Amino acid sequence: MPQEQSSVKERQRTGLKEPRRYKVYIHNDDFTTMDFVVKVLVRVFFKSEAEAEALMLQVHHSDKAVVGIYSYDIAVSKVKRATQMAREEGFPLRLTYEED
């Protein structure tokens, strides 16, 4: 008996890898108020009040702190949103991102 031929072909995916992750840093400065930093951490990075206050103190004592690790698009978006909030309030708050 002849073998049946199927029209369904199996595809193998190769070369798939996890998307790169980026650390978002918030930097200390002498002008941005601690309350505003907490506000940014809560509204933009969805930190709890307690976690935001702990991060704010870490930034205050060590000049910068990691506030999250995200995919590239999300990291860029969060940095832009937080920077825009700071500029609207007249603060020079600086946030950066770098590959993890």
N, C-alpha and C. Protein backbone atom coordinates (compact mmCIF):
# COMPACT_ATOMS: atom_id res chain seq x y z
N MET A 1 0.82 -1.18 0.00
CA MET A 1 0.00 0.00 0.00
C MET A 1 0.86 1.25 0.00
N PRO A 2 0.51 2.20 -0.80
CA PRO A 2 1.30 3.44 -0.82
C PRO A 2 1.08 4.25 0.46
N GLN A 3 2.13 4.94 0.87
CA GLN A 3 2.03 5.78 2.07
C GLN A 3 1.31 7.07 1.73
N GLU A 4 0.51 7.54 2.70
CA GLU A 4 -0.20 8.81 2.49
C GLU A 4 0.76 9.95 2.71
N GLN A 5 0.63 10.95 1.89
CA GLN A 5 1.46 12.14 2.03
C GLN A 5 0.61 13.24 2.66
N SER A 6 1.13 13.85 3.65
CA SER A 6 0.40 14.91 4.35
C SER A 6 0.80 16.26 3.79
N SER A 7 -0.14 17.16 3.71
CA SER A 7 0.16 18.51 3.23
C SER A 7 0.55 19.43 4.39
N VAL A 8 0.53 18.90 5.60
CA VAL A 8 0.91 19.68 6.76
C VAL A 8 2.41 19.52 6.98
N LYS A 9 3.08 20.66 7.02
CA LYS A 9 4.51 20.63 7.26
C LYS A 9 4.78 21.17 8.66
N GLU A 10 5.71 20.56 9.32
CA GLU A 10 6.10 21.03 10.64
C GLU A 10 7.21 22.05 10.48
N ARG A 11 7.04 23.15 11.21
CA ARG A 11 8.09 24.17 11.20
C ARG A 11 8.81 24.14 12.52
N GLN A 12 10.09 24.27 12.45
CA GLN A 12 10.87 24.36 13.68
C GLN A 12 11.35 25.78 13.81
N ARG A 13 11.14 26.32 14.97
CA ARG A 13 11.60 27.69 15.23
C ARG A 13 12.99 27.60 15.84
N THR A 14 13.86 28.30 15.24
CA THR A 14 15.22 28.34 15.77
C THR A 14 15.63 29.79 15.93
N GLY A 15 16.57 30.00 16.77
CA GLY A 15 17.10 31.35 16.96
C GLY A 15 16.22 32.24 17.83
N LEU A 16 15.24 31.69 18.49
CA LEU A 16 14.41 32.49 19.39
C LEU A 16 15.15 32.67 20.70
N LYS A 17 15.10 33.90 21.19
CA LYS A 17 15.71 34.14 22.50
C LYS A 17 14.92 35.20 23.24
N GLU A 18 15.11 35.24 24.51
CA GLU A 18 14.43 36.21 25.35
C GLU A 18 14.80 37.62 24.92
N PRO A 19 13.86 38.56 24.99
CA PRO A 19 14.21 39.94 24.67
C PRO A 19 15.20 40.48 25.71
N ARG A 20 16.03 41.38 25.27
CA ARG A 20 17.00 41.99 26.19
C ARG A 20 16.25 42.77 27.26
N ARG A 21 16.85 42.83 28.42
CA ARG A 21 16.26 43.54 29.54
C ARG A 21 17.13 44.75 29.85
N TYR A 22 16.49 45.81 30.33
CA TYR A 22 17.18 47.05 30.61
C TYR A 22 16.87 47.51 32.03
N LYS A 23 17.93 47.88 32.75
CA LYS A 23 17.78 48.43 34.10
C LYS A 23 17.48 49.91 33.97
N VAL A 24 16.51 50.37 34.74
CA VAL A 24 16.20 51.80 34.80
C VAL A 24 16.75 52.33 36.12
N TYR A 25 17.56 53.37 36.02
CA TYR A 25 18.18 53.99 37.19
C TYR A 25 17.57 55.36 37.42
N ILE A 26 17.42 55.71 38.69
CA ILE A 26 17.05 57.07 39.07
C ILE A 26 18.27 57.65 39.78
N HIS A 27 18.61 58.90 39.45
CA HIS A 27 19.83 59.52 39.97
C HIS A 27 19.50 60.60 40.99
N ASN A 28 20.39 60.77 41.94
CA ASN A 28 20.25 61.79 42.97
C ASN A 28 20.62 63.16 42.43
N ASP A 29 19.94 64.17 42.91
CA ASP A 29 20.34 65.55 42.65
C ASP A 29 19.97 66.39 43.87
N ASP A 30 20.46 67.62 43.92
CA ASP A 30 20.24 68.46 45.10
C ASP A 30 18.97 69.29 45.02
N PHE A 31 18.19 69.17 43.95
CA PHE A 31 17.04 70.05 43.76
C PHE A 31 15.69 69.34 43.79
N THR A 32 15.63 68.11 43.31
CA THR A 32 14.37 67.38 43.28
C THR A 32 14.00 66.96 44.71
N THR A 33 12.77 67.26 45.09
CA THR A 33 12.36 66.95 46.46
C THR A 33 12.15 65.44 46.63
N MET A 34 12.34 65.00 47.85
CA MET A 34 12.15 63.59 48.16
C MET A 34 10.70 63.17 47.92
N ASP A 35 9.78 64.05 48.24
CA ASP A 35 8.35 63.75 48.03
C ASP A 35 8.05 63.54 46.55
N PHE A 36 8.67 64.35 45.69
CA PHE A 36 8.43 64.20 44.26
C PHE A 36 9.00 62.88 43.74
N VAL A 37 10.17 62.50 44.23
CA VAL A 37 10.78 61.22 43.83
C VAL A 37 9.85 60.06 44.21
N VAL A 38 9.30 60.11 45.41
CA VAL A 38 8.36 59.07 45.84
C VAL A 38 7.13 59.07 44.92
N LYS A 39 6.64 60.24 44.59
CA LYS A 39 5.47 60.36 43.71
C LYS A 39 5.75 59.71 42.35
N VAL A 40 6.91 59.96 41.78
CA VAL A 40 7.29 59.36 40.49
C VAL A 40 7.38 57.84 40.61
N LEU A 41 8.00 57.37 41.67
CA LEU A 41 8.15 55.93 41.86
C LEU A 41 6.80 55.23 42.01
N VAL A 42 5.86 55.88 42.64
CA VAL A 42 4.53 55.29 42.83
C VAL A 42 3.74 55.35 41.52
N ARG A 43 3.71 56.51 40.86
CA ARG A 43 2.86 56.69 39.68
C ARG A 43 3.42 56.06 38.40
N VAL A 44 4.71 56.16 38.20
CA VAL A 44 5.30 55.67 36.95
C VAL A 44 5.77 54.23 37.08
N PHE A 45 6.38 53.89 38.21
CA PHE A 45 6.98 52.57 38.37
C PHE A 45 6.13 51.63 39.23
N PHE A 46 4.95 52.11 39.66
CA PHE A 46 3.99 51.31 40.41
C PHE A 46 4.58 50.65 41.66
N LYS A 47 5.40 51.42 42.37
CA LYS A 47 5.95 50.96 43.65
C LYS A 47 4.96 51.29 44.77
N SER A 48 4.99 50.52 45.83
CA SER A 48 4.17 50.86 47.01
C SER A 48 4.83 52.06 47.69
N GLU A 49 4.07 52.73 48.55
CA GLU A 49 4.63 53.88 49.27
C GLU A 49 5.90 53.50 50.03
N ALA A 50 5.86 52.37 50.73
CA ALA A 50 7.01 51.94 51.53
C ALA A 50 8.21 51.62 50.64
N GLU A 51 7.96 50.92 49.54
CA GLU A 51 9.05 50.59 48.62
C GLU A 51 9.62 51.85 47.96
N ALA A 52 8.74 52.78 47.61
CA ALA A 52 9.17 54.04 47.00
C ALA A 52 10.04 54.85 47.96
N GLU A 53 9.63 54.90 49.21
CA GLU A 53 10.42 55.63 50.20
C GLU A 53 11.79 54.99 50.42
N ALA A 54 11.83 53.66 50.45
CA ALA A 54 13.11 52.96 50.62
C ALA A 54 14.03 53.23 49.42
N LEU A 55 13.48 53.20 48.21
CA LEU A 55 14.29 53.50 47.02
C LEU A 55 14.77 54.94 47.02
N MET A 56 13.89 55.85 47.42
CA MET A 56 14.27 57.27 47.47
C MET A 56 15.43 57.47 48.43
N LEU A 57 15.40 56.81 49.58
CA LEU A 57 16.50 56.92 50.54
C LEU A 57 17.78 56.28 50.00
N GLN A 58 17.63 55.18 49.28
CA GLN A 58 18.79 54.54 48.66
C GLN A 58 19.44 55.49 47.65
N VAL A 59 18.63 56.15 46.84
CA VAL A 59 19.14 57.11 45.86
C VAL A 59 19.83 58.26 46.59
N HIS A 60 19.22 58.73 47.64
CA HIS A 60 19.77 59.86 48.41
C HIS A 60 21.14 59.54 48.99
N HIS A 61 21.35 58.32 49.41
CA HIS A 61 22.61 57.94 50.04
C HIS A 61 23.67 57.41 49.07
N SER A 62 23.25 56.86 47.94
CA SER A 62 24.25 56.25 47.05
C SER A 62 24.26 56.81 45.63
N ASP A 63 23.63 57.95 45.41
CA ASP A 63 23.62 58.68 44.14
C ASP A 63 22.76 58.09 43.04
N LYS A 64 22.48 56.78 43.05
CA LYS A 64 21.55 56.22 42.08
C LYS A 64 21.06 54.87 42.57
N ALA A 65 19.93 54.45 42.01
CA ALA A 65 19.37 53.15 42.38
C ALA A 65 18.58 52.59 41.20
N VAL A 66 18.55 51.27 41.11
CA VAL A 66 17.76 50.59 40.08
C VAL A 66 16.30 50.60 40.54
N VAL A 67 15.42 51.13 39.69
CA VAL A 67 14.00 51.17 40.06
C VAL A 67 13.19 50.10 39.34
N GLY A 68 13.81 49.42 38.38
CA GLY A 68 13.12 48.34 37.70
C GLY A 68 13.93 47.80 36.54
N ILE A 69 13.56 46.62 36.08
CA ILE A 69 14.19 45.99 34.92
C ILE A 69 13.08 45.65 33.94
N TYR A 70 13.19 46.18 32.72
CA TYR A 70 12.11 46.09 31.75
C TYR A 70 12.65 45.77 30.36
N SER A 71 11.74 45.45 29.45
CA SER A 71 12.12 45.35 28.04
C SER A 71 12.47 46.75 27.57
N TYR A 72 13.12 46.85 26.43
CA TYR A 72 13.60 48.14 25.93
C TYR A 72 12.48 49.17 25.81
N ASP A 73 11.40 48.83 25.15
CA ASP A 73 10.32 49.79 24.92
C ASP A 73 9.71 50.30 26.22
N ILE A 74 9.53 49.41 27.16
CA ILE A 74 8.95 49.83 28.44
C ILE A 74 9.93 50.69 29.22
N ALA A 75 11.20 50.34 29.21
CA ALA A 75 12.22 51.14 29.90
C ALA A 75 12.26 52.56 29.35
N VAL A 76 12.29 52.67 28.03
CA VAL A 76 12.33 53.99 27.39
C VAL A 76 11.08 54.78 27.73
N SER A 77 9.93 54.14 27.66
CA SER A 77 8.66 54.79 27.95
C SER A 77 8.60 55.31 29.38
N LYS A 78 9.03 54.51 30.33
CA LYS A 78 8.99 54.92 31.73
C LYS A 78 9.97 56.06 32.01
N VAL A 79 11.15 56.01 31.40
CA VAL A 79 12.12 57.10 31.58
C VAL A 79 11.55 58.40 31.00
N LYS A 80 10.96 58.33 29.83
CA LYS A 80 10.38 59.54 29.21
C LYS A 80 9.24 60.10 30.05
N ARG A 81 8.37 59.23 30.53
CA ARG A 81 7.22 59.69 31.31
C ARG A 81 7.67 60.33 32.62
N ALA A 82 8.61 59.71 33.32
CA ALA A 82 9.10 60.26 34.59
C ALA A 82 9.84 61.58 34.36
N THR A 83 10.64 61.65 33.30
CA THR A 83 11.36 62.88 32.98
C THR A 83 10.39 64.00 32.64
N GLN A 84 9.35 63.68 31.89
CA GLN A 84 8.34 64.68 31.54
C GLN A 84 7.63 65.20 32.79
N MET A 85 7.28 64.31 33.71
CA MET A 85 6.66 64.73 34.97
C MET A 85 7.57 65.69 35.72
N ALA A 86 8.86 65.34 35.77
CA ALA A 86 9.82 66.17 36.49
C ALA A 86 9.95 67.56 35.86
N ARG A 87 10.03 67.62 34.54
CA ARG A 87 10.17 68.91 33.86
C ARG A 87 8.94 69.78 34.05
N GLU A 88 7.76 69.16 34.04
CA GLU A 88 6.52 69.90 34.26
C GLU A 88 6.47 70.52 35.64
N GLU A 89 7.12 69.87 36.60
CA GLU A 89 7.17 70.38 37.98
C GLU A 89 8.40 71.25 38.22
N GLY A 90 9.28 71.36 37.22
CA GLY A 90 10.47 72.19 37.34
C GLY A 90 11.65 71.52 38.03
N PHE A 91 11.67 70.20 38.04
CA PHE A 91 12.77 69.46 38.68
C PHE A 91 13.72 68.89 37.63
N PRO A 92 15.02 68.84 37.95
CA PRO A 92 16.01 68.29 37.01
C PRO A 92 16.24 66.78 37.19
N LEU A 93 15.26 66.08 37.72
CA LEU A 93 15.39 64.64 37.98
C LEU A 93 15.90 63.92 36.74
N ARG A 94 16.88 63.04 36.93
CA ARG A 94 17.48 62.31 35.81
C ARG A 94 17.27 60.82 36.00
N LEU A 95 16.79 60.20 34.94
CA LEU A 95 16.64 58.75 34.90
C LEU A 95 17.36 58.24 33.67
N THR A 96 17.98 57.09 33.79
CA THR A 96 18.69 56.48 32.66
C THR A 96 18.36 55.00 32.61
N TYR A 97 18.72 54.38 31.48
CA TYR A 97 18.55 52.94 31.36
C TYR A 97 19.79 52.38 30.67
N GLU A 98 20.09 51.15 30.99
CA GLU A 98 21.21 50.45 30.34
C GLU A 98 20.90 48.96 30.30
N GLU A 99 21.50 48.29 29.34
CA GLU A 99 21.25 46.88 29.18
C GLU A 99 21.70 46.11 30.41
N ASP A 100 20.87 45.17 30.83
CA ASP A 100 21.14 44.37 32.02
C ASP A 100 22.24 43.38 31.76
